Amino acid sequence: MDIRKNRSAMVWLLLSAAVIAIDQGSKAWVLAHLPEYTPIPVVDGLWNWYRSYNTGAAFSFLSEAGGWQQVFFSMLAMVVSVALGIALKRLPRANWRQAAPYALIIGGALGNAADRIARGHVVDFIQWHWKDYYWPSFNLGDVAIVVGAVGLVLSEGVSARRRRSPGARRASR
């Protein structure tokens, strides 16, 4: 039995750590250098730096809920991260199509949870808009979560296609 084939995907947690470091580093820079609630154009008419705070979840969901949501979303991030960490432990290291998205989601979730625990809110600073239509502000942790989720959907699509294909190679998964 080749021991290298049995290694788990836990090494992908290094990607999670990198996401947390980049997310927290970018937020520290934002807090030190960007004024609050003041758009700073990056690409005119499309993209601003815009320092704002979110006490809720995605798209400010439950941001006016009175404070309980901070504990709820922090705990949810930790539970999801533990569940995905367990999934990584069970995955073979070479299964990057699932491992990388899991790691991105863990990093983004824990980066935002760190904000909630330390500051009572998440620091957002990327604002996209088209003319007078503004997308809710977000941060790099949010980007990692979305990229990870899209990666999981794409991975499942590839896996489903391989399962349906009569000559699918099982070794390539």
C-alpha atoms as a PDB file:
ATOM      1  CA  MET A   1       0.000   0.000   0.000  1.00  0.00           C
ATOM      2  CA  ASP A   2       1.411   3.400  -1.027  1.00  0.00           C
ATOM      3  CA  ILE A   3       1.239   5.638   2.059  1.00  0.00           C
ATOM      4  CA  ARG A   4       1.285   8.800  -0.083  1.00  0.00           C
ATOM      5  CA  LYS A   5      -2.126   7.957  -1.548  1.00  0.00           C
ATOM      6  CA  ASN A   6      -3.643   7.812   1.960  1.00  0.00           C
ATOM      7  CA  ARG A   7      -2.579  11.289   3.040  1.00  0.00           C
ATOM      8  CA  SER A   8      -5.498  13.502   3.965  1.00  0.00           C
ATOM      9  CA  ALA A   9      -6.246  16.891   2.509  1.00  0.00           C
ATOM     10  CA  MET A  10      -5.542  18.630   5.839  1.00  0.00           C
ATOM     11  CA  VAL A  11      -2.537  20.330   4.222  1.00  0.00           C
ATOM     12  CA  TRP A  12      -5.111  22.482   2.410  1.00  0.00           C
ATOM     13  CA  LEU A  13      -5.672  24.250   5.727  1.00  0.00           C
ATOM     14  CA  LEU A  14      -2.533  26.193   4.789  1.00  0.00           C
ATOM     15  CA  LEU A  15      -4.694  27.845   2.124  1.00  0.00           C
ATOM     16  CA  SER A  16      -7.258  28.644   4.837  1.00  0.00           C
ATOM     17  CA  ALA A  17      -4.512  30.228   6.944  1.00  0.00           C
ATOM     18  CA  ALA A  18      -3.347  32.291   3.951  1.00  0.00           C
ATOM     19  CA  VAL A  19      -6.906  33.495   3.316  1.00  0.00           C
ATOM     20  CA  ILE A  20      -7.286  34.510   6.979  1.00  0.00           C
ATOM     21  CA  ALA A  21      -3.946  36.345   6.920  1.00  0.00           C
ATOM     22  CA  ILE A  22      -4.729  38.199   3.686  1.00  0.00           C
ATOM     23  CA  ASP A  23      -8.277  38.999   4.838  1.00  0.00           C
ATOM     24  CA  GLN A  24      -7.171  40.309   8.229  1.00  0.00           C
ATOM     25  CA  GLY A  25      -4.190  42.153   6.755  1.00  0.00           C
ATOM     26  CA  SER A  26      -6.374  43.894   4.188  1.00  0.00           C
ATOM     27  CA  LYS A  27      -8.862  44.900   6.887  1.00  0.00           C
ATOM     28  CA  ALA A  28      -6.066  46.259   9.095  1.00  0.00           C
ATOM     29  CA  TRP A  29      -4.861  48.348   6.141  1.00  0.00           C
ATOM     30  CA  VAL A  30      -8.407  49.564   5.495  1.00  0.00           C
ATOM     31  CA  LEU A  31      -8.900  50.565   9.138  1.00  0.00           C
ATOM     32  CA  ALA A  32      -5.600  52.463   9.124  1.00  0.00           C
ATOM     33  CA  HIS A  33      -5.918  54.194   5.751  1.00  0.00           C
ATOM     34  CA  LEU A  34      -9.481  54.510   4.449  1.00  0.00           C
ATOM     35  CA  PRO A  35     -11.983  57.010   5.807  1.00  0.00           C
ATOM     36  CA  GLU A  36     -15.352  55.656   6.919  1.00  0.00           C
ATOM     37  CA  TYR A  37     -18.285  55.747   4.517  1.00  0.00           C
ATOM     38  CA  THR A  38     -16.388  57.710   1.868  1.00  0.00           C
ATOM     39  CA  PRO A  39     -16.188  56.252  -1.637  1.00  0.00           C
ATOM     40  CA  ILE A  40     -12.703  56.300  -3.157  1.00  0.00           C
ATOM     41  CA  PRO A  41     -12.939  55.432  -6.864  1.00  0.00           C
ATOM     42  CA  VAL A  42     -10.732  52.624  -8.117  1.00  0.00           C
ATOM     43  CA  VAL A  43     -12.474  52.245 -11.490  1.00  0.00           C
ATOM     44  CA  ASP A  44     -14.786  55.190 -12.089  1.00  0.00           C
ATOM     45  CA  GLY A  45     -18.424  54.203 -12.340  1.00  0.00           C
ATOM     46  CA  LEU A  46     -17.748  50.579 -11.329  1.00  0.00           C
ATOM     47  CA  TRP A  47     -15.553  50.023  -8.261  1.00  0.00           C
ATOM     48  CA  ASN A  48     -14.831  51.998  -5.093  1.00  0.00           C
ATOM     49  CA  TRP A  49     -12.930  51.441  -1.910  1.00  0.00           C
ATOM     50  CA  TYR A  50     -15.619  52.098   0.689  1.00  0.00           C
ATOM     51  CA  ARG A  51     -14.983  51.384   4.365  1.00  0.00           C
ATOM     52  CA  SER A  52     -18.162  50.219   6.044  1.00  0.00           C
ATOM     53  CA  TYR A  53     -19.247  47.793   8.736  1.00  0.00           C
ATOM     54  CA  ASN A  54     -21.664  44.893   8.680  1.00  0.00           C
ATOM     55  CA  THR A  55     -23.141  43.449  11.870  1.00  0.00           C
ATOM     56  CA  GLY A  56     -25.165  40.911   9.877  1.00  0.00           C
ATOM     57  CA  ALA A  57     -24.298  38.299   7.294  1.00  0.00           C
ATOM     58  CA  ALA A  58     -24.146  38.426   3.502  1.00  0.00           C
ATOM     59  CA  PHE A  59     -25.861  41.494   2.059  1.00  0.00           C
ATOM     60  CA  SER A  60     -26.340  42.831   5.628  1.00  0.00           C
ATOM     61  CA  PHE A  61     -28.865  40.084   6.382  1.00  0.00           C
ATOM     62  CA  LEU A  62     -29.997  40.512  10.020  1.00  0.00           C
ATOM     63  CA  SER A  63     -27.765  43.547  10.516  1.00  0.00           C
ATOM     64  CA  GLU A  64     -30.460  45.263  12.590  1.00  0.00           C
ATOM     65  CA  ALA A  65     -31.272  42.218  14.744  1.00  0.00           C
ATOM     66  CA  GLY A  66     -30.070  43.698  18.022  1.00  0.00           C
ATOM     67  CA  GLY A  67     -26.729  41.937  18.562  1.00  0.00           C
ATOM     68  CA  TRP A  68     -27.591  38.249  18.995  1.00  0.00           C
ATOM     69  CA  GLN A  69     -26.648  37.689  15.366  1.00  0.00           C
ATOM     70  CA  GLN A  70     -22.973  38.381  16.149  1.00  0.00           C
ATOM     71  CA  VAL A  71     -22.755  35.313  18.378  1.00  0.00           C
ATOM     72  CA  PHE A  72     -24.927  33.278  16.010  1.00  0.00           C
ATOM     73  CA  PHE A  73     -22.848  34.029  12.896  1.00  0.00           C
ATOM     74  CA  SER A  74     -19.550  33.554  14.767  1.00  0.00           C
ATOM     75  CA  MET A  75     -20.712  30.160  16.053  1.00  0.00           C
ATOM     76  CA  LEU A  76     -22.061  29.225  12.616  1.00  0.00           C
ATOM     77  CA  ALA A  77     -18.683  30.048  11.043  1.00  0.00           C
ATOM     78  CA  MET A  78     -16.921  27.854  13.578  1.00  0.00           C
ATOM     79  CA  VAL A  79     -19.342  24.930  13.182  1.00  0.00           C
ATOM     80  CA  VAL A  80     -19.095  25.082   9.378  1.00  0.00           C
ATOM     81  CA  SER A  81     -15.300  25.326   9.597  1.00  0.00           C
ATOM     82  CA  VAL A  82     -15.073  22.298  11.896  1.00  0.00           C
ATOM     83  CA  ALA A  83     -17.402  20.305   9.617  1.00  0.00           C
ATOM     84  CA  LEU A  84     -15.351  21.214   6.544  1.00  0.00           C
ATOM     85  CA  GLY A  85     -12.140  20.450   8.453  1.00  0.00           C
ATOM     86  CA  ILE A  86     -13.480  16.972   9.220  1.00  0.00           C
ATOM     87  CA  ALA A  87     -14.363  16.602   5.541  1.00  0.00           C
ATOM     88  CA  LEU A  88     -10.789  17.617   4.635  1.00  0.00           C
ATOM     89  CA  LYS A  89      -9.439  14.975   7.019  1.00  0.00           C
ATOM     90  CA  ARG A  90     -11.443  12.351   5.127  1.00  0.00           C
ATOM     91  CA  LEU A  91     -10.512  13.573   1.641  1.00  0.00           C
ATOM     92  CA  PRO A  92      -7.392  12.381  -0.116  1.00  0.00           C
ATOM     93  CA  ARG A  93      -4.843  15.175  -0.466  1.00  0.00           C
ATOM     94  CA  ALA A  94      -4.924  14.967  -4.271  1.00  0.00           C
ATOM     95  CA  ASN A  95      -8.658  15.774  -4.408  1.00  0.00           C
ATOM     96  CA  TRP A  96      -8.026  19.466  -4.933  1.00  0.00           C
ATOM     97  CA  ARG A  97     -11.394  20.028  -6.610  1.00  0.00           C
ATOM     98  CA  GLN A  98     -13.092  19.621  -3.236  1.00  0.00           C
ATOM     99  CA  ALA A  99     -10.228  20.459  -0.881  1.00  0.00           C
ATOM    100  CA  ALA A 100      -9.434  23.929  -2.282  1.00  0.00           C
ATOM    101  CA  PRO A 101     -13.068  25.137  -2.093  1.00  0.00           C
ATOM    102  CA  TYR A 102     -13.405  23.773   1.459  1.00  0.00           C
ATOM    103  CA  ALA A 103     -10.207  25.568   2.453  1.00  0.00           C
ATOM    104  CA  LEU A 104     -11.365  28.846   0.886  1.00  0.00           C
ATOM    105  CA  ILE A 105     -14.703  28.680   2.710  1.00  0.00           C
ATOM    106  CA  ILE A 106     -12.982  27.900   6.021  1.00  0.00           C
ATOM    107  CA  GLY A 107     -10.556  30.813   5.593  1.00  0.00           C
ATOM    108  CA  GLY A 108     -13.247  33.305   4.637  1.00  0.00           C
ATOM    109  CA  ALA A 109     -15.633  32.196   7.380  1.00  0.00           C
ATOM    110  CA  LEU A 110     -12.977  32.338  10.099  1.00  0.00           C
ATOM    111  CA  GLY A 111     -11.634  35.683   8.832  1.00  0.00           C
ATOM    112  CA  ASN A 112     -15.090  37.226   9.158  1.00  0.00           C
ATOM    113  CA  ALA A 113     -15.691  35.475  12.497  1.00  0.00           C
ATOM    114  CA  ALA A 114     -12.455  37.025  13.799  1.00  0.00           C
ATOM    115  CA  ASP A 115     -13.875  40.455  12.928  1.00  0.00           C
ATOM    116  CA  ARG A 116     -17.169  39.730  14.671  1.00  0.00           C
ATOM    117  CA  ILE A 117     -15.414  38.508  17.802  1.00  0.00           C
ATOM    118  CA  ALA A 118     -12.783  41.289  17.936  1.00  0.00           C
ATOM    119  CA  ARG A 119     -14.821  44.256  16.678  1.00  0.00           C
ATOM    120  CA  GLY A 120     -18.495  43.323  16.919  1.00  0.00           C
ATOM    121  CA  HIS A 121     -18.874  43.727  13.155  1.00  0.00           C
ATOM    122  CA  VAL A 122     -17.240  42.745   9.874  1.00  0.00           C
ATOM    123  CA  VAL A 123     -15.156  45.336   8.042  1.00  0.00           C
ATOM    124  CA  ASP A 124     -16.187  45.660   4.390  1.00  0.00           C
ATOM    125  CA  PHE A 125     -14.355  47.795   1.865  1.00  0.00           C
ATOM    126  CA  ILE A 126     -14.987  46.674  -1.707  1.00  0.00           C
ATOM    127  CA  GLN A 127     -17.938  48.397  -3.343  1.00  0.00           C
ATOM    128  CA  TRP A 128     -19.092  47.606  -6.865  1.00  0.00           C
ATOM    129  CA  HIS A 129     -21.693  49.659  -8.638  1.00  0.00           C
ATOM    130  CA  TRP A 130     -23.110  50.522 -12.003  1.00  0.00           C
ATOM    131  CA  LYS A 131     -24.325  54.101 -12.253  1.00  0.00           C
ATOM    132  CA  ASP A 132     -26.686  54.446  -9.254  1.00  0.00           C
ATOM    133  CA  TYR A 133     -27.049  50.702  -8.571  1.00  0.00           C
ATOM    134  CA  TYR A 134     -24.780  49.568  -5.746  1.00  0.00           C
ATOM    135  CA  TRP A 135     -23.915  46.023  -4.757  1.00  0.00           C
ATOM    136  CA  PRO A 136     -23.500  45.635  -0.971  1.00  0.00           C
ATOM    137  CA  SER A 137     -19.920  46.210   0.155  1.00  0.00           C
ATOM    138  CA  PHE A 138     -17.825  43.135   0.847  1.00  0.00           C
ATOM    139  CA  ASN A 139     -14.312  42.017   1.806  1.00  0.00           C
ATOM    140  CA  LEU A 140     -11.729  39.414   0.812  1.00  0.00           C
ATOM    141  CA  GLY A 141     -13.127  36.845   3.269  1.00  0.00           C
ATOM    142  CA  ASP A 142     -16.457  37.141   1.445  1.00  0.00           C
ATOM    143  CA  VAL A 143     -14.656  36.663  -1.877  1.00  0.00           C
ATOM    144  CA  ALA A 144     -13.027  33.458  -0.584  1.00  0.00           C
ATOM    145  CA  ILE A 145     -16.396  32.105   0.586  1.00  0.00           C
ATOM    146  CA  VAL A 146     -18.070  32.824  -2.762  1.00  0.00           C
ATOM    147  CA  VAL A 147     -15.166  31.431  -4.811  1.00  0.00           C
ATOM    148  CA  GLY A 148     -15.167  28.338  -2.599  1.00  0.00           C
ATOM    149  CA  ALA A 149     -18.924  27.850  -2.994  1.00  0.00           C
ATOM    150  CA  VAL A 150     -18.714  28.254  -6.770  1.00  0.00           C
ATOM    151  CA  GLY A 151     -15.777  25.827  -6.785  1.00  0.00           C
ATOM    152  CA  LEU A 152     -17.864  23.240  -4.931  1.00  0.00           C
ATOM    153  CA  VAL A 153     -20.734  23.597  -7.406  1.00  0.00           C
ATOM    154  CA  LEU A 154     -18.346  23.243 -10.350  1.00  0.00           C
ATOM    155  CA  SER A 155     -16.603  20.291  -8.706  1.00  0.00           C
ATOM    156  CA  GLU A 156     -19.911  18.534  -8.173  1.00  0.00           C
ATOM    157  CA  GLY A 157     -20.850  19.216 -11.800  1.00  0.00           C
ATOM    158  CA  VAL A 158     -17.613  17.656 -13.014  1.00  0.00           C
ATOM    159  CA  SER A 159     -18.051  14.680 -10.673  1.00  0.00           C
ATOM    160  CA  ALA A 160     -21.661  14.149 -11.761  1.00  0.00           C
ATOM    161  CA  ARG A 161     -20.653  14.241 -15.411  1.00  0.00           C
ATOM    162  CA  ARG A 162     -17.927  11.670 -14.767  1.00  0.00           C
ATOM    163  CA  ARG A 163     -20.355   9.396 -12.906  1.00  0.00           C
ATOM    164  CA  ARG A 164     -22.785   9.508 -15.853  1.00  0.00           C
ATOM    165  CA  SER A 165     -20.088   8.928 -18.443  1.00  0.00           C
ATOM    166  CA  PRO A 166     -19.871   5.218 -19.346  1.00  0.00           C
ATOM    167  CA  GLY A 167     -16.087   5.258 -19.703  1.00  0.00           C
ATOM    168  CA  ALA A 168     -15.357   7.522 -16.745  1.00  0.00           C
ATOM    169  CA  ARG A 169     -12.010   6.950 -15.082  1.00  0.00           C
ATOM    170  CA  ARG A 170     -12.437   6.564 -11.326  1.00  0.00           C
ATOM    171  CA  ALA A 171      -8.752   7.253 -10.651  1.00  0.00           C
ATOM    172  CA  SER A 172      -8.991  10.848 -11.897  1.00  0.00           C
ATOM    173  CA  ARG A 173     -11.278  11.984  -9.035  1.00  0.00           C
END
